[in-house]
Amino acid sequence: MGRQVHAGDLMINCAILGLGRWGQSLVEAAQRGGRLKITHAVEPDGERARDVCAVHDLLLTEGLDTVLANPTIEAVILATPHSQHLAQVIAVASAQKQVFCEKPLALRSEHALQMFEACRAAGVTLAVGHNRRFWPSLGALREIVRLGQLGTILHVEGHNSNENSKAVTSGWRLSAEESPGGGLTGAGLHVLDAFVSLVGPARRVYARLSPRELGPPPLDSAMLAIDFASGVTGTLATVRTTPFYWRVHVFGTNGSAEVLDELTLVRRRSGAKPETISYPSVDVLASELSAFADAIEHRRPFPILESEVVATLAAFEAALRSMEFGQPVTCHP
């Protein structure tokens, strides 16, 4: 299902569930992008919801059932805790409305498969918000790898630390059930997704979580050693309470290439000085939502594929089991 539209057609009417920090960022991005028109919102925090809805001219709605019964709403954006995603995505698909769901889609690849199958059966799009896929630097790195410019890929390294956790003193992000694996659920999952997009699915993961203090804010570090099905090896680390740091580095027989932030890539070749390349800035969240609109309108598929989402969650799931049992764990998507 989904409509066929062309330039000049009306915007896509949407509702959003969740008006926390990230939900508000998505509302603002939709308004900048001009492809999606968020008209309704569902948010259990009444005081926050009233303020945000007033600023952005949204109609505060009682719950998901009311949204699904509204024929004017064509798509639903989920900025809710991932434990709610399975039921919410299936309900939205059953109402034959398009779905954009923030990452992580689930903690278990089995649940992700159920959600994709429900959307496929209903003929609607399920887009997962791995927004860093839309970084210009990471897109350039994928193209370098795809074209074989690094030769045979041997190893990948990644790091994503984010001190935003210092501001988290309550709520689901401090729950071991909702946000397990230390910083892996929030920040590290971005790196896992980047790895999968670059070198394919993981085969086996050995992971450790090293907590210092439960907090709040929590003090911990997580590290993963990964064997990929392609034969590539990888390492990943994340620290929740240090200043923001991002790195994804791909090593091949003909050189290496490293993404350091949204716009910066460093290439290294034998016998030459490292080359730092800066890319023009883009509105990453607006681009992500525009890609969702393209998928709804059948212009082009959403660029983050079901197989990649499932493979990322399979590696994530294996990492959590490895942290629990202290042994390498095979990935089972």
C-alpha atoms as a PDB file:
ATOM      1  CA  MET A   1       0.000   0.000   0.000  1.00  0.00           C
ATOM      2  CA  GLY A   2       1.012   3.646   0.244  1.00  0.00           C
ATOM      3  CA  ARG A   3       0.226   6.483  -2.048  1.00  0.00           C
ATOM      4  CA  GLN A   4       1.880   7.470  -5.291  1.00  0.00           C
ATOM      5  CA  VAL A   5       2.594  11.204  -5.318  1.00  0.00           C
ATOM      6  CA  HIS A   6       4.579  13.650  -7.377  1.00  0.00           C
ATOM      7  CA  ALA A   7       6.121  17.064  -6.866  1.00  0.00           C
ATOM      8  CA  GLY A   8       3.597  19.556  -5.588  1.00  0.00           C
ATOM      9  CA  ASP A   9       1.444  17.023  -3.737  1.00  0.00           C
ATOM     10  CA  LEU A  10       0.375  17.584  -0.139  1.00  0.00           C
ATOM     11  CA  MET A  11       2.627  16.796   2.809  1.00  0.00           C
ATOM     12  CA  ILE A  12       2.192  13.507   4.667  1.00  0.00           C
ATOM     13  CA  ASN A  13       0.146  13.921   7.854  1.00  0.00           C
ATOM     14  CA  CYS A  14       1.769  12.244  10.870  1.00  0.00           C
ATOM     15  CA  ALA A  15       1.328  11.690  14.580  1.00  0.00           C
ATOM     16  CA  ILE A  16       4.219  11.287  17.012  1.00  0.00           C
ATOM     17  CA  LEU A  17       4.303   9.159  20.146  1.00  0.00           C
ATOM     18  CA  GLY A  18       6.784  10.495  22.675  1.00  0.00           C
ATOM     19  CA  LEU A  19       7.782  14.129  23.182  1.00  0.00           C
ATOM     20  CA  GLY A  20      10.960  13.677  25.171  1.00  0.00           C
ATOM     21  CA  ARG A  21      14.240  15.244  24.089  1.00  0.00           C
ATOM     22  CA  TRP A  22      14.521  13.137  20.955  1.00  0.00           C
ATOM     23  CA  GLY A  23      10.835  13.299  20.083  1.00  0.00           C
ATOM     24  CA  GLN A  24      11.051  17.077  20.137  1.00  0.00           C
ATOM     25  CA  SER A  25      14.119  16.936  17.875  1.00  0.00           C
ATOM     26  CA  LEU A  26      12.133  14.882  15.357  1.00  0.00           C
ATOM     27  CA  VAL A  27       9.230  17.346  15.456  1.00  0.00           C
ATOM     28  CA  GLU A  28      11.606  20.209  14.739  1.00  0.00           C
ATOM     29  CA  ALA A  29      13.316  18.262  11.949  1.00  0.00           C
ATOM     30  CA  ALA A  30       9.982  17.482  10.302  1.00  0.00           C
ATOM     31  CA  GLN A  31       9.105  21.162  10.333  1.00  0.00           C
ATOM     32  CA  ARG A  32      12.442  22.037   8.733  1.00  0.00           C
ATOM     33  CA  GLY A  33      12.203  19.274   6.139  1.00  0.00           C
ATOM     34  CA  GLY A  34       8.737  20.099   4.839  1.00  0.00           C
ATOM     35  CA  ARG A  35       7.824  16.564   3.700  1.00  0.00           C
ATOM     36  CA  LEU A  36       6.049  15.357   6.855  1.00  0.00           C
ATOM     37  CA  LYS A  37       3.447  17.370   8.725  1.00  0.00           C
ATOM     38  CA  ILE A  38       3.193  16.268  12.356  1.00  0.00           C
ATOM     39  CA  THR A  39      -0.301  17.263  13.450  1.00  0.00           C
ATOM     40  CA  HIS A  40      -0.973  15.088  16.531  1.00  0.00           C
ATOM     41  CA  ALA A  41       1.073  13.946  19.518  1.00  0.00           C
ATOM     42  CA  VAL A  42       0.745  11.390  22.302  1.00  0.00           C
ATOM     43  CA  GLU A  43       2.793  12.005  25.474  1.00  0.00           C
ATOM     44  CA  PRO A  44       2.027  10.775  29.016  1.00  0.00           C
ATOM     45  CA  ASP A  45       3.830  13.705  30.651  1.00  0.00           C
ATOM     46  CA  GLY A  46       0.944  16.168  30.473  1.00  0.00           C
ATOM     47  CA  GLU A  47       2.838  19.278  31.521  1.00  0.00           C
ATOM     48  CA  ARG A  48       5.648  18.741  29.038  1.00  0.00           C
ATOM     49  CA  ALA A  49       3.190  17.722  26.323  1.00  0.00           C
ATOM     50  CA  ARG A  50       1.098  20.864  26.653  1.00  0.00           C
ATOM     51  CA  ASP A  51       4.133  23.114  26.404  1.00  0.00           C
ATOM     52  CA  VAL A  52       5.645  21.323  23.401  1.00  0.00           C
ATOM     53  CA  CYS A  53       2.320  21.063  21.584  1.00  0.00           C
ATOM     54  CA  ALA A  54       1.700  24.768  22.081  1.00  0.00           C
ATOM     55  CA  VAL A  55       5.113  25.679  20.655  1.00  0.00           C
ATOM     56  CA  HIS A  56       4.784  23.397  17.613  1.00  0.00           C
ATOM     57  CA  ASP A  57       1.027  23.668  17.003  1.00  0.00           C
ATOM     58  CA  LEU A  58       0.306  20.000  17.694  1.00  0.00           C
ATOM     59  CA  LEU A  59      -2.971  18.518  18.866  1.00  0.00           C
ATOM     60  CA  LEU A  60      -2.422  16.529  22.066  1.00  0.00           C
ATOM     61  CA  THR A  61      -4.174  13.181  21.695  1.00  0.00           C
ATOM     62  CA  GLU A  62      -5.172  10.732  24.418  1.00  0.00           C
ATOM     63  CA  GLY A  63      -3.495   7.605  23.104  1.00  0.00           C
ATOM     64  CA  LEU A  64      -2.406   5.459  20.183  1.00  0.00           C
ATOM     65  CA  ASP A  65      -5.908   4.072  19.593  1.00  0.00           C
ATOM     66  CA  THR A  66      -7.202   7.582  18.935  1.00  0.00           C
ATOM     67  CA  VAL A  67      -4.369   8.200  16.475  1.00  0.00           C
ATOM     68  CA  LEU A  68      -5.025   4.935  14.650  1.00  0.00           C
ATOM     69  CA  ALA A  69      -8.732   5.691  14.346  1.00  0.00           C
ATOM     70  CA  ASN A  70      -8.045   9.083  12.731  1.00  0.00           C
ATOM     71  CA  PRO A  71      -8.294   8.740   8.934  1.00  0.00           C
ATOM     72  CA  THR A  72      -6.362  11.972   8.338  1.00  0.00           C
ATOM     73  CA  ILE A  73      -3.196  10.539   9.890  1.00  0.00           C
ATOM     74  CA  GLU A  74      -1.139   8.603   7.330  1.00  0.00           C
ATOM     75  CA  ALA A  75       2.006   7.826   9.325  1.00  0.00           C
ATOM     76  CA  VAL A  76       3.129   7.426  12.935  1.00  0.00           C
ATOM     77  CA  ILE A  77       6.542   8.330  14.365  1.00  0.00           C
ATOM     78  CA  LEU A  78       7.560   6.364  17.461  1.00  0.00           C
ATOM     79  CA  ALA A  79       9.990   8.074  19.861  1.00  0.00           C
ATOM     80  CA  THR A  80       9.098   5.755  22.726  1.00  0.00           C
ATOM     81  CA  PRO A  81      11.060   3.255  24.867  1.00  0.00           C
ATOM     82  CA  HIS A  82      11.950   0.183  22.830  1.00  0.00           C
ATOM     83  CA  SER A  83      10.028  -2.164  25.128  1.00  0.00           C
ATOM     84  CA  GLN A  84       6.863  -0.600  23.690  1.00  0.00           C
ATOM     85  CA  HIS A  85       7.869  -0.865  20.033  1.00  0.00           C
ATOM     86  CA  LEU A  86       6.696  -4.400  19.287  1.00  0.00           C
ATOM     87  CA  ALA A  87       3.080  -3.782  20.272  1.00  0.00           C
ATOM     88  CA  GLN A  88       3.043  -0.250  18.855  1.00  0.00           C
ATOM     89  CA  VAL A  89       4.519  -1.112  15.452  1.00  0.00           C
ATOM     90  CA  ILE A  90       2.166  -4.061  14.992  1.00  0.00           C
ATOM     91  CA  ALA A  91      -0.832  -1.903  15.986  1.00  0.00           C
ATOM     92  CA  VAL A  92       0.174   0.877  13.571  1.00  0.00           C
ATOM     93  CA  ALA A  93       0.731  -1.614  10.751  1.00  0.00           C
ATOM     94  CA  SER A  94      -2.637  -3.239  11.424  1.00  0.00           C
ATOM     95  CA  ALA A  95      -4.212   0.198  10.959  1.00  0.00           C
ATOM     96  CA  GLN A  96      -2.326   0.417   7.627  1.00  0.00           C
ATOM     97  CA  LYS A  97      -0.383   3.507   8.590  1.00  0.00           C
ATOM     98  CA  GLN A  98       3.294   4.023   7.776  1.00  0.00           C
ATOM     99  CA  VAL A  99       5.818   3.627  10.637  1.00  0.00           C
ATOM    100  CA  PHE A 100       8.993   5.460  11.558  1.00  0.00           C
ATOM    101  CA  CYS A 101      10.519   3.977  14.720  1.00  0.00           C
ATOM    102  CA  GLU A 102      13.506   5.264  16.636  1.00  0.00           C
ATOM    103  CA  LYS A 103      16.381   2.919  17.336  1.00  0.00           C
ATOM    104  CA  PRO A 104      16.786   0.484  18.903  1.00  0.00           C
ATOM    105  CA  LEU A 105      13.819  -1.095  17.187  1.00  0.00           C
ATOM    106  CA  ALA A 106      13.986  -3.891  19.771  1.00  0.00           C
ATOM    107  CA  LEU A 107      16.410  -5.672  22.051  1.00  0.00           C
ATOM    108  CA  ARG A 108      15.801  -8.994  20.282  1.00  0.00           C
ATOM    109  CA  SER A 109      16.169  -9.692  16.575  1.00  0.00           C
ATOM    110  CA  GLU A 110      13.151 -12.012  16.805  1.00  0.00           C
ATOM    111  CA  HIS A 111      10.946  -9.051  17.737  1.00  0.00           C
ATOM    112  CA  ALA A 112      12.386  -7.003  14.890  1.00  0.00           C
ATOM    113  CA  LEU A 113      11.485  -9.752  12.433  1.00  0.00           C
ATOM    114  CA  GLN A 114       7.916  -9.788  13.765  1.00  0.00           C
ATOM    115  CA  MET A 115       7.602  -6.033  13.264  1.00  0.00           C
ATOM    116  CA  PHE A 116       8.947  -6.096   9.728  1.00  0.00           C
ATOM    117  CA  GLU A 117       6.669  -9.000   8.848  1.00  0.00           C
ATOM    118  CA  ALA A 118       3.612  -7.156  10.212  1.00  0.00           C
ATOM    119  CA  CYS A 119       4.457  -4.088   8.125  1.00  0.00           C
ATOM    120  CA  ARG A 120       5.159  -6.173   5.040  1.00  0.00           C
ATOM    121  CA  ALA A 121       1.816  -7.964   5.410  1.00  0.00           C
ATOM    122  CA  ALA A 122       0.036  -4.609   5.746  1.00  0.00           C
ATOM    123  CA  GLY A 123       1.912  -3.104   2.790  1.00  0.00           C
ATOM    124  CA  VAL A 124       3.388  -0.242   4.813  1.00  0.00           C
ATOM    125  CA  THR A 125       6.910   1.061   5.336  1.00  0.00           C
ATOM    126  CA  LEU A 126       8.847   0.439   8.546  1.00  0.00           C
ATOM    127  CA  ALA A 127      11.764   2.881   8.761  1.00  0.00           C
ATOM    128  CA  VAL A 128      14.215   2.635  11.665  1.00  0.00           C
ATOM    129  CA  GLY A 129      15.928   5.807  12.842  1.00  0.00           C
ATOM    130  CA  HIS A 130      19.639   5.048  12.680  1.00  0.00           C
ATOM    131  CA  ASN A 131      20.247   8.714  11.926  1.00  0.00           C
ATOM    132  CA  ARG A 132      24.035   8.563  11.675  1.00  0.00           C
ATOM    133  CA  ARG A 133      23.698   6.600   8.455  1.00  0.00           C
ATOM    134  CA  PHE A 134      22.870   9.997   6.970  1.00  0.00           C
ATOM    135  CA  TRP A 135      26.141  11.617   8.051  1.00  0.00           C
ATOM    136  CA  PRO A 136      27.982  12.769   4.896  1.00  0.00           C
ATOM    137  CA  SER A 137      31.278  11.353   6.193  1.00  0.00           C
ATOM    138  CA  LEU A 138      29.822   7.907   6.908  1.00  0.00           C
ATOM    139  CA  GLY A 139      28.136   7.845   3.499  1.00  0.00           C
ATOM    140  CA  ALA A 140      31.502   8.627   1.901  1.00  0.00           C
ATOM    141  CA  LEU A 141      33.155   5.824   3.884  1.00  0.00           C
ATOM    142  CA  ARG A 142      30.552   3.321   2.706  1.00  0.00           C
ATOM    143  CA  GLU A 143      31.206   4.364  -0.898  1.00  0.00           C
ATOM    144  CA  ILE A 144      34.979   4.018  -0.466  1.00  0.00           C
ATOM    145  CA  VAL A 145      34.476   0.487   0.864  1.00  0.00           C
ATOM    146  CA  ARG A 146      31.904  -0.405  -1.800  1.00  0.00           C
ATOM    147  CA  LEU A 147      34.228   0.660  -4.611  1.00  0.00           C
ATOM    148  CA  GLY A 148      37.048  -1.478  -3.218  1.00  0.00           C
ATOM    149  CA  GLN A 149      39.380   1.483  -2.779  1.00  0.00           C
ATOM    150  CA  LEU A 150      40.789   0.052   0.463  1.00  0.00           C
ATOM    151  CA  GLY A 151      41.455  -3.357  -1.066  1.00  0.00           C
ATOM    152  CA  THR A 152      40.521  -6.377   1.016  1.00  0.00           C
ATOM    153  CA  ILE A 153      38.925  -5.220   4.284  1.00  0.00           C
ATOM    154  CA  LEU A 154      40.608  -6.845   7.279  1.00  0.00           C
ATOM    155  CA  HIS A 155      39.471  -4.989  10.408  1.00  0.00           C
ATOM    156  CA  VAL A 156      37.131  -2.259  11.706  1.00  0.00           C
ATOM    157  CA  GLU A 157      37.377  -0.221  14.892  1.00  0.00           C
ATOM    158  CA  GLY A 158      34.705   1.975  16.417  1.00  0.00           C
ATOM    159  CA  HIS A 159      33.996   4.133  19.426  1.00  0.00           C
ATOM    160  CA  ASN A 160      30.984   6.177  20.485  1.00  0.00           C
ATOM    161  CA  SER A 161      30.989   7.893  23.865  1.00  0.00           C
ATOM    162  CA  ASN A 162      28.411  10.450  24.895  1.00  0.00           C
ATOM    163  CA  GLU A 163      28.262  12.306  28.185  1.00  0.00           C
ATOM    164  CA  ASN A 164      24.542  13.039  27.722  1.00  0.00           C
ATOM    165  CA  SER A 165      24.069  10.326  30.337  1.00  0.00           C
ATOM    166  CA  LYS A 166      25.238  12.811  32.979  1.00  0.00           C
ATOM    167  CA  ALA A 167      21.918  14.585  32.563  1.00  0.00           C
ATOM    168  CA  VAL A 168      19.911  11.368  33.027  1.00  0.00           C
ATOM    169  CA  THR A 169      18.956  11.025  36.689  1.00  0.00           C
ATOM    170  CA  SER A 170      15.719   9.053  36.331  1.00  0.00           C
ATOM    171  CA  GLY A 171      13.549   7.213  33.822  1.00  0.00           C
ATOM    172  CA  TRP A 172      13.820   4.246  31.501  1.00  0.00           C
ATOM    173  CA  ARG A 173      17.351   5.018  30.307  1.00  0.00           C
ATOM    174  CA  LEU A 174      18.679   4.036  33.748  1.00  0.00           C
ATOM    175  CA  SER A 175      16.827   0.717  33.761  1.00  0.00           C
ATOM    176  CA  ALA A 176      18.913  -2.415  33.209  1.00  0.00           C
ATOM    177  CA  GLU A 177      15.873  -3.988  31.536  1.00  0.00           C
ATOM    178  CA  GLU A 178      15.177  -1.051  29.215  1.00  0.00           C
ATOM    179  CA  SER A 179      18.752   0.053  28.572  1.00  0.00           C
ATOM    180  CA  PRO A 180      21.111  -2.905  29.121  1.00  0.00           C
ATOM    181  CA  GLY A 181      24.770  -3.118  28.233  1.00  0.00           C
ATOM    182  CA  GLY A 182      25.816   0.258  29.602  1.00  0.00           C
ATOM    183  CA  GLY A 183      26.332   2.728  26.780  1.00  0.00           C
ATOM    184  CA  LEU A 184      25.850   0.050  24.129  1.00  0.00           C
ATOM    185  CA  THR A 185      22.075   0.565  23.859  1.00  0.00           C
ATOM    186  CA  GLY A 186      22.162   4.315  23.379  1.00  0.00           C
ATOM    187  CA  ALA A 187      25.471   5.225  21.758  1.00  0.00           C
ATOM    188  CA  GLY A 188      27.240   1.989  20.856  1.00  0.00           C
ATOM    189  CA  LEU A 189      24.368   0.741  18.718  1.00  0.00           C
ATOM    190  CA  HIS A 190      25.181   3.509  16.217  1.00  0.00           C
ATOM    191  CA  VAL A 191      28.630   1.974  15.731  1.00  0.00           C
ATOM    192  CA  LEU A 192      27.252  -1.564  15.421  1.00  0.00           C
ATOM    193  CA  ASP A 193      24.883  -0.331  12.714  1.00  0.00           C
ATOM    194  CA  ALA A 194      27.756   1.414  10.914  1.00  0.00           C
ATOM    195  CA  PHE A 195      29.819  -1.790  11.054  1.00  0.00           C
ATOM    196  CA  VAL A 196      26.998  -3.861   9.560  1.00  0.00           C
ATOM    197  CA  SER A 197      26.487  -1.308   6.770  1.00  0.00           C
ATOM    198  CA  LEU A 198      30.201  -1.460   5.961  1.00  0.00           C
ATOM    199  CA  VAL A 199      31.219  -5.120   6.321  1.00  0.00           C
ATOM    200  CA  GLY A 200      28.016  -7.108   6.783  1.00  0.00           C
ATOM    201  CA  PRO A 201      26.579  -9.169   9.644  1.00  0.00           C
ATOM    202  CA  ALA A 202      28.530 -10.319  12.680  1.00  0.00           C
ATOM    203  CA  ARG A 203      29.130 -14.013  13.294  1.00  0.00           C
ATOM    204  CA  ARG A 204      30.341 -13.968  16.901  1.00  0.00           C
ATOM    205  CA  VAL A 205      30.712 -11.371  19.670  1.00  0.00           C
ATOM    206  CA  TYR A 206      32.723 -11.301  22.886  1.00  0.00           C
ATOM    207  CA  ALA A 207      31.671  -8.379  25.097  1.00  0.00           C
ATOM    208  CA  ARG A 208      32.411  -6.994  28.556  1.00  0.00           C
ATOM    209  CA  LEU A 209      30.618  -4.379  30.630  1.00  0.00           C
ATOM    210  CA  SER A 210      32.708  -2.780  33.373  1.00  0.00           C
ATOM    211  CA  PRO A 211      30.558  -0.779  35.812  1.00  0.00           C
ATOM    212  CA  ARG A 212      32.195   1.572  38.337  1.00  0.00           C
ATOM    213  CA  GLU A 213      29.129   3.131  39.967  1.00  0.00           C
ATOM    214  CA  LEU A 214      25.420   2.552  39.399  1.00  0.00           C
ATOM    215  CA  GLY A 215      24.736   6.278  39.646  1.00  0.00           C
ATOM    216  CA  PRO A 216      22.863   8.253  38.619  1.00  0.00           C
ATOM    217  CA  PRO A 217      24.645   9.108  36.502  1.00  0.00           C
ATOM    218  CA  PRO A 218      26.018   5.626  35.807  1.00  0.00           C
ATOM    219  CA  LEU A 219      29.781   5.215  35.374  1.00  0.00           C
ATOM    220  CA  ASP A 220      30.719   2.322  33.105  1.00  0.00           C
ATOM    221  CA  SER A 221      32.506   1.260  29.953  1.00  0.00           C
ATOM    222  CA  ALA A 222      31.656  -1.439  27.437  1.00  0.00           C
ATOM    223  CA  MET A 223      33.870  -3.131  24.871  1.00  0.00           C
ATOM    224  CA  LEU A 224      33.217  -5.688  22.140  1.00  0.00           C
ATOM    225  CA  ALA A 225      35.420  -7.944  20.030  1.00  0.00           C
ATOM    226  CA  ILE A 226      33.551  -9.015  16.904  1.00  0.00           C
ATOM    227  CA  ASP A 227      34.107 -11.647  14.226  1.00  0.00           C
ATOM    228  CA  PHE A 228      32.107 -10.858  11.085  1.00  0.00           C
ATOM    229  CA  ALA A 229      30.731 -13.452   8.686  1.00  0.00           C
ATOM    230  CA  SER A 230      32.909 -11.912   5.948  1.00  0.00           C
ATOM    231  CA  GLY A 231      36.095 -12.751   7.869  1.00  0.00           C
ATOM    232  CA  VAL A 232      36.633  -9.154   9.027  1.00  0.00           C
ATOM    233  CA  THR A 233      37.445  -8.579  12.704  1.00  0.00           C
ATOM    234  CA  GLY A 234      36.277  -5.615  14.740  1.00  0.00           C
ATOM    235  CA  THR A 235      36.430  -3.850  18.101  1.00  0.00           C
ATOM    236  CA  LEU A 236      33.968  -1.403  19.643  1.00  0.00           C
ATOM    237  CA  ALA A 237      34.036   0.652  22.840  1.00  0.00           C
ATOM    238  CA  THR A 238      31.718   3.099  24.536  1.00  0.00           C
ATOM    239  CA  VAL A 239      31.927   5.170  27.736  1.00  0.00           C
ATOM    240  CA  ARG A 240      28.791   6.861  29.000  1.00  0.00           C
ATOM    241  CA  THR A 241      30.259   9.722  31.021  1.00  0.00           C
ATOM    242  CA  THR A 242      33.079  11.149  28.929  1.00  0.00           C
ATOM    243  CA  PRO A 243      32.726  13.971  26.354  1.00  0.00           C
ATOM    244  CA  PHE A 244      31.281  13.037  22.981  1.00  0.00           C
ATOM    245  CA  TYR A 245      33.680  11.037  20.842  1.00  0.00           C
ATOM    246  CA  TRP A 246      32.968   9.152  17.618  1.00  0.00           C
ATOM    247  CA  ARG A 247      35.240   7.026  15.497  1.00  0.00           C
ATOM    248  CA  VAL A 248      34.693   4.364  12.829  1.00  0.00           C
ATOM    249  CA  HIS A 249      37.905   3.185  11.155  1.00  0.00           C
ATOM    250  CA  VAL A 250      38.113   0.637   8.326  1.00  0.00           C
ATOM    251  CA  PHE A 251      41.463  -1.054   7.598  1.00  0.00           C
ATOM    252  CA  GLY A 252      42.237  -2.727   4.272  1.00  0.00           C
ATOM    253  CA  THR A 253      45.173  -4.019   2.278  1.00  0.00           C
ATOM    254  CA  ASN A 254      45.363  -0.770   0.249  1.00  0.00           C
ATOM    255  CA  GLY A 255      44.950   1.711   3.110  1.00  0.00           C
ATOM    256  CA  SER A 256      42.462   2.799   5.742  1.00  0.00           C
ATOM    257  CA  ALA A 257      39.704   5.368   6.122  1.00  0.00           C
ATOM    258  CA  GLU A 258      38.394   6.812   9.368  1.00  0.00           C
ATOM    259  CA  VAL A 259      35.269   8.829  10.161  1.00  0.00           C
ATOM    260  CA  LEU A 260      35.797  11.194  13.101  1.00  0.00           C
ATOM    261  CA  ASP A 261      32.542  13.110  13.114  1.00  0.00           C
ATOM    262  CA  GLU A 262      29.581  14.021  10.923  1.00  0.00           C
ATOM    263  CA  LEU A 263      31.699  15.833   8.333  1.00  0.00           C
ATOM    264  CA  THR A 264      35.290  14.609   8.711  1.00  0.00           C
ATOM    265  CA  LEU A 265      37.011  11.599   7.122  1.00  0.00           C
ATOM    266  CA  VAL A 266      40.725  10.771   7.205  1.00  0.00           C
ATOM    267  CA  ARG A 267      42.316   8.543   4.525  1.00  0.00           C
ATOM    268  CA  ARG A 268      45.676   6.859   4.925  1.00  0.00           C
ATOM    269  CA  ARG A 269      47.733   5.353   2.094  1.00  0.00           C
ATOM    270  CA  SER A 270      51.173   3.790   2.138  1.00  0.00           C
ATOM    271  CA  GLY A 271      53.922   6.313   1.422  1.00  0.00           C
ATOM    272  CA  ALA A 272      51.637   9.354   1.718  1.00  0.00           C
ATOM    273  CA  LYS A 273      50.594  11.727   4.461  1.00  0.00           C
ATOM    274  CA  PRO A 274      47.103  11.244   5.913  1.00  0.00           C
ATOM    275  CA  GLU A 275      44.464  13.138   3.926  1.00  0.00           C
ATOM    276  CA  THR A 276      41.697  14.872   5.895  1.00  0.00           C
ATOM    277  CA  ILE A 277      38.500  15.427   3.903  1.00  0.00           C
ATOM    278  CA  SER A 278      35.690  17.710   5.075  1.00  0.00           C
ATOM    279  CA  TYR A 279      32.186  17.351   3.637  1.00  0.00           C
ATOM    280  CA  PRO A 280      29.435  19.984   3.378  1.00  0.00           C
ATOM    281  CA  SER A 281      26.998  20.001   6.283  1.00  0.00           C
ATOM    282  CA  VAL A 282      23.500  18.567   5.857  1.00  0.00           C
ATOM    283  CA  ASP A 283      20.409  18.516   8.059  1.00  0.00           C
ATOM    284  CA  VAL A 284      20.764  14.886   9.140  1.00  0.00           C
ATOM    285  CA  LEU A 285      17.393  14.422  10.865  1.00  0.00           C
ATOM    286  CA  ALA A 286      15.499  16.234   8.125  1.00  0.00           C
ATOM    287  CA  SER A 287      17.273  14.037   5.547  1.00  0.00           C
ATOM    288  CA  GLU A 288      16.320  10.925   7.485  1.00  0.00           C
ATOM    289  CA  LEU A 289      12.652  11.922   7.606  1.00  0.00           C
ATOM    290  CA  SER A 290      12.750  12.885   3.934  1.00  0.00           C
ATOM    291  CA  ALA A 291      13.993   9.369   3.155  1.00  0.00           C
ATOM    292  CA  PHE A 292      11.002   8.027   5.094  1.00  0.00           C
ATOM    293  CA  ALA A 293       8.713  10.219   2.975  1.00  0.00           C
ATOM    294  CA  ASP A 294      10.407   8.915  -0.192  1.00  0.00           C
ATOM    295  CA  ALA A 295       9.705   5.338   0.900  1.00  0.00           C
ATOM    296  CA  ILE A 296       6.050   6.130   1.647  1.00  0.00           C
ATOM    297  CA  GLU A 297       5.675   7.701  -1.790  1.00  0.00           C
ATOM    298  CA  HIS A 298       7.460   4.802  -3.544  1.00  0.00           C
ATOM    299  CA  ARG A 299      10.194   7.075  -4.844  1.00  0.00           C
ATOM    300  CA  ARG A 300      12.959   4.857  -3.391  1.00  0.00           C
ATOM    301  CA  PRO A 301      13.268   2.319  -0.560  1.00  0.00           C
ATOM    302  CA  PHE A 302      14.347   3.486   2.872  1.00  0.00           C
ATOM    303  CA  PRO A 303      18.146   3.122   2.782  1.00  0.00           C
ATOM    304  CA  ILE A 304      18.461   1.176   6.057  1.00  0.00           C
ATOM    305  CA  LEU A 305      17.431  -2.323   5.046  1.00  0.00           C
ATOM    306  CA  GLU A 306      15.508  -4.852   7.110  1.00  0.00           C
ATOM    307  CA  SER A 307      18.404  -7.306   6.850  1.00  0.00           C
ATOM    308  CA  GLU A 308      20.796  -4.702   8.263  1.00  0.00           C
ATOM    309  CA  VAL A 309      18.503  -3.764  11.159  1.00  0.00           C
ATOM    310  CA  VAL A 310      18.072  -7.439  12.060  1.00  0.00           C
ATOM    311  CA  ALA A 311      21.807  -8.156  11.753  1.00  0.00           C
ATOM    312  CA  THR A 312      22.652  -5.208  14.012  1.00  0.00           C
ATOM    313  CA  LEU A 313      20.199  -6.412  16.651  1.00  0.00           C
ATOM    314  CA  ALA A 314      21.504  -9.969  16.389  1.00  0.00           C
ATOM    315  CA  ALA A 315      25.011  -8.672  17.198  1.00  0.00           C
ATOM    316  CA  PHE A 316      23.606  -6.492  19.985  1.00  0.00           C
ATOM    317  CA  GLU A 317      21.710  -9.452  21.442  1.00  0.00           C
ATOM    318  CA  ALA A 318      24.846 -11.611  21.329  1.00  0.00           C
ATOM    319  CA  ALA A 319      26.838  -8.854  23.060  1.00  0.00           C
ATOM    320  CA  LEU A 320      24.344  -8.699  25.927  1.00  0.00           C
ATOM    321  CA  ARG A 321      24.484 -12.475  26.384  1.00  0.00           C
ATOM    322  CA  SER A 322      28.278 -12.367  26.282  1.00  0.00           C
ATOM    323  CA  MET A 323      28.334  -9.665  28.971  1.00  0.00           C
ATOM    324  CA  GLU A 324      26.122 -11.870  31.118  1.00  0.00           C
ATOM    325  CA  PHE A 325      27.998 -15.157  30.702  1.00  0.00           C
ATOM    326  CA  GLY A 326      31.564 -13.966  30.056  1.00  0.00           C
ATOM    327  CA  GLN A 327      31.989 -16.047  26.898  1.00  0.00           C
ATOM    328  CA  PRO A 328      31.910 -15.368  23.140  1.00  0.00           C
ATOM    329  CA  VAL A 329      28.387 -15.759  21.758  1.00  0.00           C
ATOM    330  CA  THR A 330      27.361 -16.702  18.220  1.00  0.00           C
ATOM    331  CA  CYS A 331      24.871 -14.352  16.512  1.00  0.00           C
ATOM    332  CA  HIS A 332      21.499 -15.843  15.555  1.00  0.00           C
ATOM    333  CA  PRO A 333      19.337 -13.411  13.530  1.00  0.00           C
END
